[in-house]
Amino acid sequence: MRFVAGFVAGAIVGWMAHAYGPPGPRSVTAAAIQNTKETKIIATTGRTNLRLPIDGMSVEAMKGGFAEHRPGHEHEAADILAPRDTAVHAVDDGTIAKLFFSKGGGGNTIYQFDPGGRICYYYAHLERYANGVRDGQAVSKGDVIGYVGTSGNAPPNTPHLHFAVYQLDETRRWWKGQAIDPYLVFTAK
């Protein structure tokens, strides 16, 4: 009975997220965006000419997910709904810093550094990696690096890409990076 209830709940949440999209930001105005710490970080790194990770998606699909609350933590990422096995593209030139599997977290994940090693792009819940993707590999903006899925703790009936952006310090420890709202990264001018 629990399985059926879980399946139905997952199907309803998946349908609602697909039909209505993620919630919008709480009350972000243009003036507020201009003065956020994230916008200042973006301005100092120059990472504004990025490619969207999924073909055909809208930047608006990333709106609001960053500030969502999760049990025990802030989300600090955008969840981008897409059919399972949809290609995920590198948003920038750079290097695959780490491929990692976390059963209780992001599942199949990729940490990608920008060319200067100051920004880390995090792709999670991947179904699988693209053939040949490996740690230390140079990638170009637009390269297929993985495929949308539900690995890790993602709801099994809601395939999506969990996408995050972090500013790194000189140690390049991505787990210590400063989270930046992906929506603001893609809308910064």
N, C-alpha and C. Protein backbone atom coordinates (compact mmCIF):
# COMPACT_ATOMS: atom_id res chain seq x y z
N MET A 1 0.82 -1.19 0.00
CA MET A 1 0.00 0.00 0.00
C MET A 1 0.87 1.26 0.00
N ARG A 2 1.99 1.25 0.77
CA ARG A 2 2.87 2.41 0.81
C ARG A 2 3.47 2.67 -0.56
N PHE A 3 3.78 1.60 -1.27
CA PHE A 3 4.37 1.75 -2.61
C PHE A 3 3.39 2.47 -3.52
N VAL A 4 2.13 2.05 -3.50
CA VAL A 4 1.10 2.66 -4.35
C VAL A 4 0.92 4.13 -3.96
N ALA A 5 0.84 4.42 -2.68
CA ALA A 5 0.68 5.80 -2.22
C ALA A 5 1.88 6.65 -2.64
N GLY A 6 3.09 6.11 -2.49
CA GLY A 6 4.29 6.82 -2.91
C GLY A 6 4.31 7.06 -4.41
N PHE A 7 3.89 6.06 -5.17
CA PHE A 7 3.86 6.20 -6.62
C PHE A 7 2.87 7.29 -7.04
N VAL A 8 1.68 7.27 -6.45
CA VAL A 8 0.66 8.26 -6.78
C VAL A 8 1.14 9.66 -6.39
N ALA A 9 1.71 9.79 -5.19
CA ALA A 9 2.21 11.10 -4.75
C ALA A 9 3.30 11.59 -5.68
N GLY A 10 4.22 10.73 -6.07
CA GLY A 10 5.29 11.10 -7.00
C GLY A 10 4.74 11.51 -8.35
N ALA A 11 3.74 10.80 -8.84
CA ALA A 11 3.14 11.14 -10.13
C ALA A 11 2.45 12.50 -10.07
N ILE A 12 1.77 12.79 -8.98
CA ILE A 12 1.08 14.08 -8.84
C ILE A 12 2.09 15.21 -8.76
N VAL A 13 3.12 15.06 -7.93
CA VAL A 13 4.14 16.10 -7.81
C VAL A 13 4.85 16.30 -9.14
N GLY A 14 5.18 15.22 -9.82
CA GLY A 14 5.83 15.32 -11.13
C GLY A 14 4.96 16.03 -12.15
N TRP A 15 3.68 15.70 -12.17
CA TRP A 15 2.75 16.35 -13.10
C TRP A 15 2.64 17.84 -12.79
N MET A 16 2.50 18.17 -11.50
CA MET A 16 2.36 19.58 -11.11
C MET A 16 3.62 20.37 -11.46
N ALA A 17 4.78 19.81 -11.18
CA ALA A 17 6.03 20.51 -11.48
C ALA A 17 6.18 20.70 -12.98
N HIS A 18 5.79 19.69 -13.74
CA HIS A 18 5.90 19.80 -15.20
C HIS A 18 4.87 20.80 -15.76
N ALA A 19 3.65 20.75 -15.23
CA ALA A 19 2.58 21.61 -15.74
C ALA A 19 2.75 23.06 -15.32
N TYR A 20 3.17 23.30 -14.09
CA TYR A 20 3.22 24.66 -13.57
C TYR A 20 4.63 25.21 -13.40
N GLY A 21 5.64 24.37 -13.48
CA GLY A 21 7.02 24.82 -13.31
C GLY A 21 7.34 25.08 -11.85
N PRO A 22 8.60 25.42 -11.59
CA PRO A 22 8.99 25.70 -10.21
C PRO A 22 8.37 27.01 -9.74
N PRO A 23 8.27 27.19 -8.44
CA PRO A 23 7.71 28.44 -7.94
C PRO A 23 8.62 29.62 -8.28
N GLY A 24 8.04 30.79 -8.41
CA GLY A 24 8.82 31.99 -8.69
C GLY A 24 9.55 32.46 -7.46
N PRO A 25 10.44 33.42 -7.62
CA PRO A 25 11.17 33.93 -6.47
C PRO A 25 10.20 34.61 -5.50
N ARG A 26 10.60 34.68 -4.25
CA ARG A 26 9.71 35.24 -3.23
C ARG A 26 9.25 36.64 -3.59
N SER A 27 10.13 37.58 -3.74
CA SER A 27 9.77 38.93 -4.17
C SER A 27 11.03 39.64 -4.61
N VAL A 28 11.59 39.18 -5.69
CA VAL A 28 12.82 39.75 -6.20
C VAL A 28 12.48 40.82 -7.22
N THR A 29 12.96 42.01 -7.00
CA THR A 29 12.77 43.11 -7.95
C THR A 29 14.08 43.34 -8.69
N ALA A 30 14.01 44.08 -9.78
CA ALA A 30 15.23 44.39 -10.54
C ALA A 30 16.24 45.10 -9.66
N ALA A 31 15.78 46.01 -8.80
CA ALA A 31 16.70 46.73 -7.91
C ALA A 31 17.36 45.78 -6.93
N ALA A 32 16.60 44.81 -6.42
CA ALA A 32 17.18 43.85 -5.48
C ALA A 32 18.23 42.99 -6.15
N ILE A 33 17.97 42.58 -7.40
CA ILE A 33 18.95 41.76 -8.12
C ILE A 33 20.24 42.54 -8.32
N GLN A 34 20.16 43.83 -8.60
CA GLN A 34 21.35 44.63 -8.83
C GLN A 34 22.25 44.68 -7.60
N ASN A 35 21.69 44.52 -6.43
CA ASN A 35 22.46 44.67 -5.20
C ASN A 35 22.74 43.36 -4.47
N THR A 36 22.49 42.24 -5.09
CA THR A 36 22.72 40.97 -4.41
C THR A 36 24.18 40.59 -4.44
N LYS A 37 24.59 39.82 -3.47
CA LYS A 37 25.96 39.30 -3.42
C LYS A 37 26.24 38.45 -4.65
N GLU A 38 25.23 37.66 -5.09
CA GLU A 38 25.41 36.80 -6.25
C GLU A 38 25.73 37.61 -7.50
N THR A 39 25.02 38.72 -7.70
CA THR A 39 25.27 39.54 -8.87
C THR A 39 26.67 40.14 -8.83
N LYS A 40 27.12 40.54 -7.66
CA LYS A 40 28.49 41.07 -7.53
C LYS A 40 29.51 39.99 -7.86
N ILE A 41 29.26 38.76 -7.44
CA ILE A 41 30.16 37.65 -7.75
C ILE A 41 30.20 37.43 -9.25
N ILE A 42 29.04 37.42 -9.89
CA ILE A 42 28.97 37.22 -11.33
C ILE A 42 29.74 38.33 -12.05
N ALA A 43 29.57 39.56 -11.61
CA ALA A 43 30.24 40.69 -12.26
C ALA A 43 31.76 40.57 -12.14
N THR A 44 32.26 40.05 -11.02
CA THR A 44 33.71 39.95 -10.84
C THR A 44 34.31 38.76 -11.57
N THR A 45 33.51 37.76 -11.88
CA THR A 45 34.05 36.59 -12.56
C THR A 45 33.87 36.65 -14.06
N GLY A 46 32.94 37.47 -14.53
CA GLY A 46 32.72 37.61 -15.96
C GLY A 46 32.02 36.43 -16.62
N ARG A 47 31.42 35.55 -15.87
CA ARG A 47 30.77 34.36 -16.43
C ARG A 47 29.32 34.66 -16.75
N THR A 48 29.07 35.40 -17.80
CA THR A 48 27.69 35.72 -18.16
C THR A 48 27.29 35.20 -19.53
N ASN A 49 28.22 34.74 -20.33
CA ASN A 49 27.91 34.26 -21.68
C ASN A 49 27.89 32.73 -21.68
N LEU A 50 26.91 32.18 -21.01
CA LEU A 50 26.84 30.73 -20.84
C LEU A 50 25.76 30.13 -21.73
N ARG A 51 25.89 28.83 -21.96
CA ARG A 51 24.89 28.07 -22.72
C ARG A 51 23.97 27.39 -21.72
N LEU A 52 22.69 27.32 -22.02
CA LEU A 52 21.77 26.58 -21.16
C LEU A 52 22.12 25.10 -21.20
N PRO A 53 21.98 24.39 -20.09
CA PRO A 53 22.41 22.99 -20.05
C PRO A 53 21.52 22.02 -20.83
N ILE A 54 20.29 22.41 -21.13
CA ILE A 54 19.36 21.53 -21.84
C ILE A 54 18.79 22.28 -23.03
N ASP A 55 18.86 21.65 -24.21
CA ASP A 55 18.32 22.26 -25.42
C ASP A 55 16.83 22.55 -25.26
N GLY A 56 16.41 23.71 -25.75
CA GLY A 56 14.99 24.05 -25.77
C GLY A 56 14.42 24.55 -24.46
N MET A 57 15.22 24.56 -23.40
CA MET A 57 14.70 25.04 -22.12
C MET A 57 14.71 26.57 -22.09
N SER A 58 13.94 27.12 -21.20
CA SER A 58 13.89 28.56 -20.99
C SER A 58 14.66 28.89 -19.72
N VAL A 59 15.29 30.05 -19.71
CA VAL A 59 15.96 30.51 -18.49
C VAL A 59 14.96 30.57 -17.34
N GLU A 60 13.71 30.86 -17.66
CA GLU A 60 12.67 30.97 -16.63
C GLU A 60 12.47 29.65 -15.87
N ALA A 61 12.88 28.53 -16.46
CA ALA A 61 12.76 27.24 -15.77
C ALA A 61 13.62 27.19 -14.51
N MET A 62 14.60 28.08 -14.41
CA MET A 62 15.49 28.10 -13.24
C MET A 62 15.03 29.08 -12.17
N LYS A 63 13.98 29.80 -12.43
CA LYS A 63 13.53 30.86 -11.54
C LYS A 63 12.93 30.30 -10.26
N GLY A 64 13.43 30.76 -9.13
CA GLY A 64 12.82 30.46 -7.84
C GLY A 64 13.34 29.24 -7.11
N GLY A 65 13.96 28.31 -7.79
CA GLY A 65 14.39 27.08 -7.13
C GLY A 65 15.50 27.26 -6.11
N PHE A 66 16.33 28.25 -6.31
CA PHE A 66 17.49 28.47 -5.45
C PHE A 66 17.10 28.69 -4.00
N ALA A 67 16.07 29.47 -3.76
CA ALA A 67 15.68 29.86 -2.40
C ALA A 67 14.73 28.87 -1.74
N GLU A 68 14.36 27.79 -2.41
CA GLU A 68 13.45 26.82 -1.81
C GLU A 68 14.09 26.18 -0.58
N HIS A 69 13.26 25.90 0.40
CA HIS A 69 13.72 25.23 1.61
C HIS A 69 13.60 23.72 1.42
N ARG A 70 14.60 22.99 1.86
CA ARG A 70 14.57 21.54 1.91
C ARG A 70 14.75 21.15 3.38
N PRO A 71 14.37 19.96 3.76
CA PRO A 71 14.55 19.56 5.16
C PRO A 71 16.03 19.70 5.58
N GLY A 72 16.28 20.64 6.47
CA GLY A 72 17.62 20.82 7.02
C GLY A 72 18.56 21.71 6.23
N HIS A 73 18.14 22.21 5.07
CA HIS A 73 19.05 23.06 4.29
C HIS A 73 18.29 23.85 3.23
N GLU A 74 18.99 24.79 2.63
CA GLU A 74 18.45 25.53 1.49
C GLU A 74 18.79 24.75 0.23
N HIS A 75 17.99 24.87 -0.79
CA HIS A 75 18.19 24.13 -2.04
C HIS A 75 19.44 24.60 -2.78
N GLU A 76 19.58 25.91 -2.97
CA GLU A 76 20.73 26.53 -3.60
C GLU A 76 21.07 25.95 -4.98
N ALA A 77 20.05 25.65 -5.75
CA ALA A 77 20.22 25.11 -7.10
C ALA A 77 18.91 25.29 -7.86
N ALA A 78 18.95 24.97 -9.13
CA ALA A 78 17.74 24.96 -9.96
C ALA A 78 17.47 23.52 -10.38
N ASP A 79 16.24 23.08 -10.25
CA ASP A 79 15.83 21.78 -10.75
C ASP A 79 15.13 22.01 -12.09
N ILE A 80 15.69 21.43 -13.14
CA ILE A 80 15.19 21.63 -14.49
C ILE A 80 14.55 20.34 -14.97
N LEU A 81 13.23 20.33 -15.07
CA LEU A 81 12.51 19.14 -15.50
C LEU A 81 12.73 18.89 -16.98
N ALA A 82 12.98 17.64 -17.32
CA ALA A 82 13.17 17.23 -18.71
C ALA A 82 12.96 15.71 -18.78
N PRO A 83 12.60 15.20 -19.95
CA PRO A 83 12.44 13.75 -20.07
C PRO A 83 13.75 13.00 -19.76
N ARG A 84 13.59 11.83 -19.19
CA ARG A 84 14.76 10.98 -18.91
C ARG A 84 15.58 10.81 -20.19
N ASP A 85 16.88 10.82 -20.05
CA ASP A 85 17.85 10.64 -21.14
C ASP A 85 17.98 11.86 -22.06
N THR A 86 17.42 13.01 -21.67
CA THR A 86 17.67 14.24 -22.41
C THR A 86 19.14 14.62 -22.23
N ALA A 87 19.80 15.04 -23.30
CA ALA A 87 21.22 15.41 -23.24
C ALA A 87 21.42 16.63 -22.34
N VAL A 88 22.47 16.57 -21.52
CA VAL A 88 22.90 17.69 -20.68
C VAL A 88 24.21 18.20 -21.26
N HIS A 89 24.26 19.51 -21.52
CA HIS A 89 25.42 20.12 -22.16
C HIS A 89 26.24 20.92 -21.16
N ALA A 90 27.55 20.97 -21.37
CA ALA A 90 28.42 21.85 -20.59
C ALA A 90 27.98 23.29 -20.85
N VAL A 91 27.81 24.07 -19.79
CA VAL A 91 27.33 25.44 -19.94
C VAL A 91 28.47 26.40 -20.28
N ASP A 92 29.71 25.94 -20.16
CA ASP A 92 30.87 26.79 -20.35
C ASP A 92 32.04 25.92 -20.77
N ASP A 93 33.07 26.52 -21.32
CA ASP A 93 34.33 25.82 -21.53
C ASP A 93 34.90 25.51 -20.15
N GLY A 94 35.78 24.53 -20.07
CA GLY A 94 36.42 24.25 -18.79
C GLY A 94 36.91 22.83 -18.68
N THR A 95 36.89 22.33 -17.45
CA THR A 95 37.43 21.02 -17.13
C THR A 95 36.47 20.25 -16.24
N ILE A 96 36.32 18.97 -16.52
CA ILE A 96 35.56 18.10 -15.62
C ILE A 96 36.47 17.87 -14.40
N ALA A 97 36.12 18.49 -13.30
CA ALA A 97 36.94 18.39 -12.09
C ALA A 97 36.72 17.07 -11.37
N LYS A 98 35.48 16.58 -11.39
CA LYS A 98 35.18 15.36 -10.63
C LYS A 98 33.88 14.74 -11.10
N LEU A 99 33.89 13.44 -11.31
CA LEU A 99 32.68 12.64 -11.46
C LEU A 99 32.48 11.97 -10.11
N PHE A 100 31.26 11.98 -9.62
CA PHE A 100 31.03 11.47 -8.27
C PHE A 100 29.65 10.83 -8.20
N PHE A 101 29.53 9.75 -7.42
CA PHE A 101 28.23 9.13 -7.19
C PHE A 101 27.89 9.24 -5.71
N SER A 102 26.70 9.78 -5.43
CA SER A 102 26.20 9.91 -4.07
C SER A 102 24.81 9.30 -4.03
N LYS A 103 24.68 8.11 -3.44
CA LYS A 103 23.39 7.42 -3.40
C LYS A 103 22.33 8.24 -2.66
N GLY A 104 22.70 8.86 -1.55
CA GLY A 104 21.74 9.61 -0.76
C GLY A 104 21.63 11.07 -1.14
N GLY A 105 22.36 11.48 -2.16
CA GLY A 105 22.35 12.89 -2.57
C GLY A 105 22.07 13.02 -4.05
N GLY A 106 23.03 13.56 -4.78
CA GLY A 106 22.85 13.89 -6.19
C GLY A 106 23.00 12.74 -7.16
N GLY A 107 23.28 11.53 -6.67
CA GLY A 107 23.43 10.39 -7.58
C GLY A 107 24.65 10.57 -8.46
N ASN A 108 24.48 10.35 -9.76
CA ASN A 108 25.56 10.57 -10.72
C ASN A 108 25.73 12.08 -10.90
N THR A 109 26.88 12.60 -10.51
CA THR A 109 27.10 14.04 -10.54
C THR A 109 28.37 14.37 -11.32
N ILE A 110 28.39 15.60 -11.82
CA ILE A 110 29.57 16.15 -12.48
C ILE A 110 29.86 17.51 -11.87
N TYR A 111 31.12 17.72 -11.49
CA TYR A 111 31.62 19.02 -11.09
C TYR A 111 32.49 19.53 -12.23
N GLN A 112 32.11 20.65 -12.83
CA GLN A 112 32.87 21.23 -13.94
C GLN A 112 33.39 22.59 -13.53
N PHE A 113 34.69 22.84 -13.72
CA PHE A 113 35.27 24.15 -13.45
C PHE A 113 35.28 24.98 -14.73
N ASP A 114 35.12 26.29 -14.58
CA ASP A 114 35.27 27.20 -15.71
C ASP A 114 36.76 27.28 -16.07
N PRO A 115 37.12 27.96 -17.18
CA PRO A 115 38.53 27.98 -17.60
C PRO A 115 39.50 28.53 -16.55
N GLY A 116 39.05 29.48 -15.73
CA GLY A 116 39.94 30.06 -14.72
C GLY A 116 39.92 29.33 -13.39
N GLY A 117 39.07 28.31 -13.26
CA GLY A 117 38.98 27.57 -11.99
C GLY A 117 38.34 28.38 -10.87
N ARG A 118 37.58 29.42 -11.22
CA ARG A 118 36.94 30.25 -10.20
C ARG A 118 35.48 29.92 -9.99
N ILE A 119 34.86 29.25 -10.98
CA ILE A 119 33.45 28.89 -10.91
C ILE A 119 33.33 27.38 -11.10
N CYS A 120 32.44 26.77 -10.31
CA CYS A 120 32.14 25.34 -10.46
C CYS A 120 30.68 25.19 -10.83
N TYR A 121 30.43 24.43 -11.88
CA TYR A 121 29.07 24.10 -12.30
C TYR A 121 28.81 22.66 -11.84
N TYR A 122 27.68 22.46 -11.22
CA TYR A 122 27.35 21.15 -10.63
C TYR A 122 26.10 20.61 -11.31
N TYR A 123 26.22 19.42 -11.88
CA TYR A 123 25.12 18.75 -12.58
C TYR A 123 24.83 17.46 -11.81
N ALA A 124 23.58 17.25 -11.38
CA ALA A 124 23.27 16.09 -10.54
C ALA A 124 21.99 15.38 -10.98
N HIS A 125 21.80 14.20 -10.42
CA HIS A 125 20.69 13.27 -10.70
C HIS A 125 20.75 12.75 -12.13
N LEU A 126 21.95 12.70 -12.69
CA LEU A 126 22.11 12.23 -14.06
C LEU A 126 21.77 10.75 -14.17
N GLU A 127 21.17 10.38 -15.28
CA GLU A 127 20.90 8.97 -15.56
C GLU A 127 22.22 8.24 -15.80
N ARG A 128 23.07 8.93 -16.55
CA ARG A 128 24.41 8.39 -16.84
C ARG A 128 25.26 9.52 -17.40
N TYR A 129 26.56 9.26 -17.45
CA TYR A 129 27.49 10.21 -18.07
C TYR A 129 27.55 9.94 -19.57
N ALA A 130 27.93 10.95 -20.33
CA ALA A 130 28.16 10.75 -21.77
C ALA A 130 29.39 9.85 -21.94
N ASN A 131 29.42 9.09 -23.01
CA ASN A 131 30.55 8.21 -23.28
C ASN A 131 31.85 9.01 -23.29
N GLY A 132 32.84 8.49 -22.60
CA GLY A 132 34.16 9.09 -22.60
C GLY A 132 34.39 10.20 -21.60
N VAL A 133 33.35 10.66 -20.92
CA VAL A 133 33.54 11.73 -19.93
C VAL A 133 34.33 11.18 -18.75
N ARG A 134 35.35 11.93 -18.33
CA ARG A 134 36.23 11.46 -17.25
C ARG A 134 36.79 12.65 -16.47
N ASP A 135 37.26 12.38 -15.27
CA ASP A 135 37.91 13.41 -14.46
C ASP A 135 39.08 14.00 -15.23
N GLY A 136 39.22 15.32 -15.14
CA GLY A 136 40.34 16.01 -15.78
C GLY A 136 40.15 16.33 -17.25
N GLN A 137 39.06 15.90 -17.83
CA GLN A 137 38.82 16.11 -19.26
C GLN A 137 38.47 17.57 -19.55
N ALA A 138 39.08 18.13 -20.59
CA ALA A 138 38.70 19.46 -21.07
C ALA A 138 37.39 19.34 -21.83
N VAL A 139 36.47 20.28 -21.59
CA VAL A 139 35.20 20.29 -22.32
C VAL A 139 34.98 21.68 -22.89
N SER A 140 34.23 21.72 -23.97
CA SER A 140 33.85 22.98 -24.59
C SER A 140 32.37 23.24 -24.32
N LYS A 141 32.03 24.50 -24.26
CA LYS A 141 30.64 24.89 -24.08
C LYS A 141 29.81 24.18 -25.15
N GLY A 142 28.76 23.48 -24.70
CA GLY A 142 27.87 22.77 -25.62
C GLY A 142 28.12 21.29 -25.72
N ASP A 143 29.29 20.81 -25.26
CA ASP A 143 29.56 19.37 -25.29
C ASP A 143 28.52 18.62 -24.45
N VAL A 144 28.06 17.48 -24.93
CA VAL A 144 27.17 16.63 -24.13
C VAL A 144 28.03 15.93 -23.09
N ILE A 145 27.66 16.11 -21.82
CA ILE A 145 28.44 15.52 -20.73
C ILE A 145 27.65 14.48 -19.93
N GLY A 146 26.34 14.46 -20.08
CA GLY A 146 25.53 13.50 -19.35
C GLY A 146 24.10 13.53 -19.85
N TYR A 147 23.24 12.80 -19.11
CA TYR A 147 21.83 12.67 -19.51
C TYR A 147 20.93 12.78 -18.28
N VAL A 148 19.82 13.49 -18.42
CA VAL A 148 18.86 13.71 -17.34
C VAL A 148 18.36 12.38 -16.80
N GLY A 149 18.22 12.32 -15.48
CA GLY A 149 17.73 11.10 -14.86
C GLY A 149 17.14 11.34 -13.49
N THR A 150 17.20 10.28 -12.68
CA THR A 150 16.66 10.34 -11.32
C THR A 150 17.58 9.63 -10.33
N SER A 151 18.87 9.63 -10.61
CA SER A 151 19.80 8.94 -9.71
C SER A 151 19.88 9.66 -8.36
N GLY A 152 20.38 8.97 -7.37
CA GLY A 152 20.50 9.54 -6.03
C GLY A 152 19.15 9.62 -5.36
N ASN A 153 18.91 10.74 -4.69
CA ASN A 153 17.66 10.89 -3.93
C ASN A 153 16.56 11.60 -4.71
N ALA A 154 16.66 11.65 -6.03
CA ALA A 154 15.61 12.27 -6.85
C ALA A 154 14.36 11.39 -6.85
N PRO A 155 13.17 12.00 -6.89
CA PRO A 155 11.96 11.19 -7.00
C PRO A 155 12.02 10.36 -8.28
N PRO A 156 11.75 9.06 -8.21
CA PRO A 156 11.93 8.18 -9.37
C PRO A 156 11.06 8.52 -10.57
N ASN A 157 9.96 9.22 -10.36
CA ASN A 157 9.06 9.55 -11.47
C ASN A 157 9.18 11.01 -11.92
N THR A 158 10.25 11.68 -11.49
CA THR A 158 10.43 13.09 -11.84
C THR A 158 11.85 13.32 -12.34
N PRO A 159 12.16 12.89 -13.56
CA PRO A 159 13.51 13.12 -14.08
C PRO A 159 13.77 14.63 -14.20
N HIS A 160 14.95 15.02 -13.74
CA HIS A 160 15.32 16.43 -13.81
C HIS A 160 16.83 16.57 -13.65
N LEU A 161 17.31 17.73 -14.04
CA LEU A 161 18.70 18.10 -13.81
C LEU A 161 18.73 19.04 -12.62
N HIS A 162 19.49 18.67 -11.60
CA HIS A 162 19.75 19.56 -10.47
C HIS A 162 21.02 20.31 -10.86
N PHE A 163 20.90 21.62 -11.08
CA PHE A 163 22.02 22.42 -11.58
C PHE A 163 22.36 23.52 -10.58
N ALA A 164 23.63 23.58 -10.20
CA ALA A 164 24.08 24.59 -9.23
C ALA A 164 25.34 25.26 -9.75
N VAL A 165 25.59 26.46 -9.23
CA VAL A 165 26.78 27.24 -9.59
C VAL A 165 27.43 27.70 -8.29
N TYR A 166 28.75 27.53 -8.20
CA TYR A 166 29.50 27.93 -7.01
C TYR A 166 30.70 28.77 -7.39
N GLN A 167 30.94 29.83 -6.62
CA GLN A 167 32.19 30.57 -6.75
C GLN A 167 33.21 29.88 -5.85
N LEU A 168 34.40 29.65 -6.38
CA LEU A 168 35.45 28.96 -5.65
C LEU A 168 36.49 29.94 -5.14
N ASP A 169 37.15 29.58 -4.05
CA ASP A 169 38.29 30.37 -3.60
C ASP A 169 39.56 29.77 -4.19
N GLU A 170 40.70 30.24 -3.76
CA GLU A 170 41.96 29.79 -4.35
C GLU A 170 42.26 28.30 -4.12
N THR A 171 41.59 27.67 -3.14
CA THR A 171 41.81 26.24 -2.89
C THR A 171 41.04 25.35 -3.86
N ARG A 172 40.05 25.93 -4.55
CA ARG A 172 39.22 25.19 -5.52
C ARG A 172 38.47 24.01 -4.90
N ARG A 173 38.11 24.12 -3.65
CA ARG A 173 37.33 23.06 -2.99
C ARG A 173 35.85 23.34 -3.26
N TRP A 174 35.27 22.60 -4.23
CA TRP A 174 33.89 22.86 -4.65
C TRP A 174 32.90 22.67 -3.51
N TRP A 175 33.20 21.84 -2.55
CA TRP A 175 32.29 21.62 -1.43
C TRP A 175 32.30 22.80 -0.47
N LYS A 176 33.21 23.74 -0.65
CA LYS A 176 33.27 24.95 0.17
C LYS A 176 32.91 26.20 -0.63
N GLY A 177 32.46 26.02 -1.86
CA GLY A 177 32.16 27.16 -2.72
C GLY A 177 30.96 27.97 -2.24
N GLN A 178 30.90 29.22 -2.69
CA GLN A 178 29.79 30.11 -2.40
C GLN A 178 28.71 29.90 -3.45
N ALA A 179 27.54 29.42 -3.04
CA ALA A 179 26.46 29.15 -3.98
C ALA A 179 25.94 30.45 -4.60
N ILE A 180 25.68 30.40 -5.91
CA ILE A 180 25.14 31.53 -6.67
C ILE A 180 23.86 31.05 -7.34
N ASP A 181 22.82 31.85 -7.31
CA ASP A 181 21.56 31.49 -7.94
C ASP A 181 21.75 31.34 -9.45
N PRO A 182 21.56 30.13 -10.02
CA PRO A 182 21.74 29.94 -11.46
C PRO A 182 20.87 30.88 -12.31
N TYR A 183 19.68 31.18 -11.85
CA TYR A 183 18.80 32.10 -12.59
C TYR A 183 19.48 33.46 -12.76
N LEU A 184 20.09 33.96 -11.69
CA LEU A 184 20.78 35.25 -11.77
C LEU A 184 22.02 35.17 -12.67
N VAL A 185 22.70 34.03 -12.66
CA VAL A 185 23.87 33.86 -13.52
C VAL A 185 23.46 34.00 -14.98
N PHE A 186 22.35 33.38 -15.35
CA PHE A 186 21.91 33.39 -16.75
C PHE A 186 21.18 34.67 -17.16
N THR A 187 20.73 35.47 -16.18
CA THR A 187 20.03 36.69 -16.53
C THR A 187 20.86 37.94 -16.28
N ALA A 188 22.07 37.80 -15.72
CA ALA A 188 22.94 38.95 -15.45
C ALA A 188 23.35 39.60 -16.75
N LYS A 189 23.41 40.88 -16.75
CA LYS A 189 23.85 41.64 -17.94
C LYS A 189 25.16 42.31 -17.69
